[in-house]
Protein backbone atom coordinates (compact mmCIF):
# COMPACT_ATOMS: atom_id res chain seq x y z
CA UNK A 1 49.71 -35.08 187.24
CA UNK A 2 47.71 -35.84 190.39
CA UNK A 3 49.23 -34.89 193.77
CA UNK A 4 49.76 -37.50 196.49
CA UNK A 5 49.27 -34.92 199.23
CA UNK A 6 48.09 -31.37 199.78
CA UNK A 7 49.90 -29.18 202.30
CA UNK A 8 47.59 -26.78 204.14
CA UNK A 9 49.39 -24.13 206.18
CA UNK A 10 47.08 -23.02 208.98
CA UNK A 11 47.15 -20.61 211.88
CA UNK A 12 44.98 -19.85 214.87
CA UNK A 13 42.54 -17.85 212.73
CA UNK A 14 39.04 -18.98 211.79
CA UNK A 15 40.04 -18.85 208.12
CA UNK A 16 42.09 -21.99 208.67
CA UNK A 17 38.93 -24.07 208.67
CA UNK A 18 37.97 -22.61 205.28
CA UNK A 19 41.40 -23.52 203.90
CA UNK A 20 40.98 -27.06 205.24
CA UNK A 21 37.52 -27.39 203.66
CA UNK A 22 38.88 -26.32 200.28
CA UNK A 23 41.76 -28.78 200.57
CA UNK A 24 39.33 -31.57 201.45
CA UNK A 25 37.32 -30.87 198.30
CA UNK A 26 40.49 -31.15 196.23
CA UNK A 27 41.62 -34.26 198.11
CA UNK A 28 38.32 -36.00 197.48
CA UNK A 29 38.62 -35.35 193.75
CA UNK A 30 42.27 -36.41 193.50
CA UNK A 31 42.58 -39.09 196.18
CA UNK A 32 45.34 -37.11 197.88
CA UNK A 33 45.90 -36.96 201.62
CA UNK A 34 45.86 -33.62 203.48
CA UNK A 35 48.77 -32.49 205.62
CA UNK A 36 48.13 -29.72 208.15
CA UNK A 37 51.05 -27.53 209.17
CA UNK A 38 50.61 -24.91 211.89
CA UNK A 39 52.44 -21.67 211.12
CA UNK A 40 53.12 -19.50 214.15
CA UNK A 41 54.93 -16.15 214.32
CA UNK A 42 57.03 -17.30 217.29
CA UNK A 43 59.53 -20.17 217.29
CA UNK A 44 58.15 -23.44 218.64
CA UNK A 45 59.39 -24.31 222.10
CA UNK A 46 58.81 -27.40 224.19
CA UNK A 47 56.13 -25.49 226.11
CA UNK A 48 54.28 -24.32 222.99
CA UNK A 49 54.49 -27.68 221.17
CA UNK A 50 51.58 -29.11 223.20
CA UNK A 51 49.43 -26.10 222.40
CA UNK A 52 50.25 -26.41 218.70
CA UNK A 53 49.30 -30.10 218.70
CA UNK A 54 45.99 -29.32 220.40
CA UNK A 55 45.18 -26.63 217.82
CA UNK A 56 45.91 -28.99 214.93
CA UNK A 57 43.92 -31.84 216.44
CA UNK A 58 40.98 -29.53 217.17
CA UNK A 59 41.00 -28.32 213.56
CA UNK A 60 41.26 -31.88 212.31
CA UNK A 61 38.38 -32.98 214.55
CA UNK A 62 36.18 -30.03 213.58
CA UNK A 63 35.43 -31.41 210.15
CA UNK A 64 33.91 -34.68 208.95
CA UNK A 65 36.46 -36.32 206.69
CA UNK A 66 36.35 -40.08 207.17
CA UNK A 67 37.11 -40.51 203.48
CA UNK A 68 40.34 -38.44 203.49
CA UNK A 69 43.56 -39.02 205.41
CA UNK A 70 44.52 -35.92 207.39
CA UNK A 71 48.00 -35.76 208.94
CA UNK A 72 49.23 -33.07 211.32
CA UNK A 73 52.75 -31.63 211.54
């Protein structure tokens, strides 16, 4: 069974980019899309939502992946 999508739970740590790179390798082999989910220790508020979106977009933009769909949540 081949997955349609791969969920990558990321944080503010540098290791998140490594997790994304590994997911991209799998996505390229399976044709799956990658979904990034930011996990934070504090509840998301209206004020922190913008910061979370910027972190996800920065991570998404930090890697060349024109051949894989990457969604952020």
